[in-house]
Amino acid sequence: MIGLHSRSTLGFSRPAGRACIALFGLLSIDVRTIAAADSSIHVELNAAESVPRSHCRLTFVIENSAPSAIDTLKLDLAVFDREGTIQRRMVVEIGPIHATKTIARTFNVETDCGQIGGILLNEVTTCVPEEPATCLDRLTLSSRVSTIRFFK
C-alpha cells in the first residue's frame, strides 16, 4: 500500500503525492467533457458574389459551438480595398444563433467584390446575453474567399 505520510516506499513526499493524485484526476477527465467546454463562435467569410450596381454579396457561416444561445450579436466591420484603405464601415446583425447551431447570413456591400482586399472585425457592438468583450474573445475568424482576408 502506498502511503502519503512523511515518506512512502516510492519516495514521494506529502506535497508530491498530492500533486500526483491531482495529476491523475486531470488525466482521467473524459475528452467529451473537454469538447463540451468549447464555447467558441466561429465566423467564416464563406463567399463573395458580385451583384448588379457594383455591389458585393458577402455570405458568412457562423457556428456557435456553445451549449447556450446568443440572442443578439452585432459586429462592427471595416471593409478595406486592395491597397489597405478603409472603404466603408457597417454594423451587421449576425444573431440570433441557437446553442450548438450553424447558420448562414448574407449582407450586401456597396462596392465591387474585386475591390475588397480585407474585412476587419473592428468590434462587437452588442452581444446578448453576454458582454461584447466576452463575445469578441470567443470569436474565431476565417475566410474561404482567397482574395479577401477576414481578421480581428
Protein backbone atom coordinates (compact mmCIF):
# COMPACT_ATOMS: atom_id res chain seq x y z
CA MET A 1 0.00 0.00 0.00
CA ILE A 2 1.34 3.42 -0.92
CA GLY A 3 1.26 5.85 1.95
CA LEU A 4 1.33 9.60 1.60
CA HIS A 5 2.70 10.23 5.05
CA SER A 6 6.11 11.75 5.63
CA ARG A 7 7.80 9.28 3.24
CA SER A 8 6.29 6.44 1.27
CA THR A 9 8.05 3.44 -0.14
CA LEU A 10 8.17 5.23 -3.53
CA GLY A 11 9.93 8.24 -2.05
CA PHE A 12 7.08 10.73 -2.55
CA SER A 13 6.80 13.49 -0.03
CA ARG A 14 3.30 14.54 1.02
CA PRO A 15 3.12 17.52 -1.43
CA ALA A 16 4.45 15.40 -4.30
CA GLY A 17 1.93 12.68 -3.53
CA ARG A 18 -0.91 15.19 -3.60
CA ALA A 19 0.37 16.54 -6.90
CA CYS A 20 0.38 13.02 -8.35
CA ILE A 21 -3.19 12.44 -7.22
CA ALA A 22 -4.28 15.77 -8.72
CA LEU A 23 -2.47 14.98 -11.98
CA PHE A 24 -4.15 11.58 -12.16
CA GLY A 25 -7.51 13.27 -11.67
CA LEU A 26 -6.83 15.69 -14.52
CA LEU A 27 -5.68 12.92 -16.82
CA SER A 28 -8.84 10.94 -16.19
CA ILE A 29 -11.17 13.71 -17.47
CA ASP A 30 -13.24 12.45 -20.38
CA VAL A 31 -12.36 14.01 -23.76
CA ARG A 32 -16.09 14.65 -24.35
CA THR A 33 -16.11 16.89 -21.28
CA ILE A 34 -13.32 18.99 -22.76
CA ALA A 35 -15.05 19.19 -26.15
CA ALA A 36 -18.32 20.27 -24.49
CA ALA A 37 -16.49 23.11 -22.79
CA ASP A 38 -15.65 24.65 -26.19
CA SER A 39 -17.62 27.88 -26.25
CA SER A 40 -16.21 29.41 -29.41
CA ILE A 41 -18.23 31.20 -32.05
CA HIS A 42 -16.62 30.63 -35.43
CA VAL A 43 -17.37 33.14 -38.18
CA GLU A 44 -16.28 32.23 -41.70
CA LEU A 45 -16.43 34.52 -44.72
CA ASN A 46 -17.77 31.81 -46.99
CA ALA A 47 -18.49 33.59 -50.29
CA ALA A 48 -18.27 36.93 -52.08
CA GLU A 49 -20.56 37.30 -55.08
CA SER A 50 -20.83 40.30 -57.41
CA VAL A 51 -24.39 41.54 -57.82
CA PRO A 52 -25.87 44.33 -60.00
CA ARG A 53 -24.99 48.00 -59.45
CA SER A 54 -21.42 47.23 -58.35
CA HIS A 55 -22.43 45.59 -55.09
CA CYS A 56 -20.84 42.61 -53.39
CA ARG A 57 -22.92 40.00 -51.58
CA LEU A 58 -20.93 38.61 -48.64
CA THR A 59 -22.05 35.32 -47.12
CA PHE A 60 -20.89 34.37 -43.63
CA VAL A 61 -21.27 30.98 -41.95
CA ILE A 62 -21.49 31.23 -38.17
CA GLU A 63 -21.08 28.24 -35.86
CA ASN A 64 -21.99 28.52 -32.19
CA SER A 65 -20.40 25.50 -30.50
CA ALA A 66 -21.53 26.57 -27.02
CA PRO A 67 -24.40 24.90 -25.17
CA SER A 68 -26.08 28.31 -24.79
CA ALA A 69 -27.72 30.56 -27.38
CA ILE A 70 -26.68 34.04 -28.44
CA ASP A 71 -29.82 36.18 -28.74
CA THR A 72 -28.20 39.24 -30.33
CA LEU A 73 -24.78 39.57 -31.94
CA LYS A 74 -23.88 42.75 -33.80
CA LEU A 75 -20.48 43.19 -35.42
CA ASP A 76 -18.78 46.41 -36.50
CA LEU A 77 -16.97 45.58 -39.75
CA ALA A 78 -14.48 47.70 -41.69
CA VAL A 79 -14.12 46.90 -45.40
CA PHE A 80 -10.67 47.55 -46.90
CA ASP A 81 -9.74 47.92 -50.55
CA ARG A 82 -6.82 46.05 -52.15
CA GLU A 83 -4.40 48.84 -51.13
CA GLY A 84 -5.41 48.64 -47.46
CA THR A 85 -7.58 51.75 -47.26
CA ILE A 86 -10.88 51.56 -45.40
CA GLN A 87 -13.70 51.97 -47.90
CA ARG A 88 -16.66 51.66 -45.57
CA ARG A 89 -17.83 50.54 -42.16
CA MET A 90 -21.01 48.72 -41.36
CA VAL A 91 -22.69 47.15 -38.37
CA VAL A 92 -24.28 43.78 -39.16
CA GLU A 93 -26.64 41.67 -37.09
CA ILE A 94 -25.37 38.08 -37.02
CA GLY A 95 -27.68 36.67 -34.32
CA PRO A 96 -29.70 35.06 -33.05
CA ILE A 97 -27.69 31.85 -33.00
CA HIS A 98 -29.14 28.85 -31.20
CA ALA A 99 -26.95 26.66 -29.00
CA THR A 100 -24.72 24.22 -30.91
CA LYS A 101 -26.07 25.55 -34.22
CA THR A 102 -24.59 26.70 -37.52
CA ILE A 103 -26.27 29.43 -39.58
CA ALA A 104 -25.59 31.49 -42.73
CA ARG A 105 -26.06 35.26 -43.05
CA THR A 106 -25.76 37.38 -46.20
CA PHE A 107 -25.03 41.11 -46.46
CA ASN A 108 -24.60 43.44 -49.44
CA VAL A 109 -21.75 45.95 -49.57
CA GLU A 110 -21.82 48.94 -51.89
CA THR A 111 -18.59 48.09 -53.67
CA ASP A 112 -17.41 45.61 -56.27
CA CYS A 113 -16.15 42.31 -54.81
CA GLY A 114 -12.93 42.63 -56.82
CA GLN A 115 -12.11 45.82 -54.91
CA ILE A 116 -12.32 44.22 -51.44
CA GLY A 117 -8.96 43.16 -50.00
CA GLY A 118 -9.92 42.60 -46.39
CA ILE A 119 -12.62 42.80 -43.76
CA LEU A 120 -11.72 43.76 -40.21
CA LEU A 121 -13.94 42.74 -37.32
CA ASN A 122 -13.44 46.05 -35.57
CA GLU A 123 -15.54 45.26 -32.51
CA VAL A 124 -18.60 43.51 -31.18
CA THR A 125 -21.12 46.27 -30.54
CA THR A 126 -23.85 44.10 -28.97
CA CYS A 127 -23.85 40.60 -27.54
CA VAL A 128 -26.81 39.32 -25.52
CA PRO A 129 -26.80 37.68 -23.01
CA GLU A 130 -23.04 38.28 -22.67
CA GLU A 131 -20.82 41.34 -22.65
CA PRO A 132 -19.44 42.43 -26.06
CA ALA A 133 -15.82 41.92 -24.91
CA THR A 134 -16.59 38.35 -23.86
CA CYS A 135 -18.11 37.58 -27.25
CA LEU A 136 -15.16 39.18 -29.02
CA ASP A 137 -12.81 36.87 -27.12
CA ARG A 138 -14.93 33.85 -28.10
CA LEU A 139 -14.91 34.70 -31.82
CA THR A 140 -12.61 32.89 -34.22
CA LEU A 141 -12.48 34.01 -37.84
CA SER A 142 -11.56 32.52 -41.19
CA SER A 143 -12.09 33.24 -44.87
CA ARG A 144 -12.85 30.73 -47.60
CA VAL A 145 -12.50 33.56 -50.14
CA SER A 146 -8.83 33.51 -51.09
CA THR A 147 -8.77 37.16 -52.22
CA ILE A 148 -10.35 38.60 -49.06
CA ARG A 149 -8.68 38.49 -45.64
CA PHE A 150 -11.08 38.33 -42.68
CA PHE A 151 -9.42 39.28 -39.41
CA LYS A 152 -9.77 40.93 -35.99
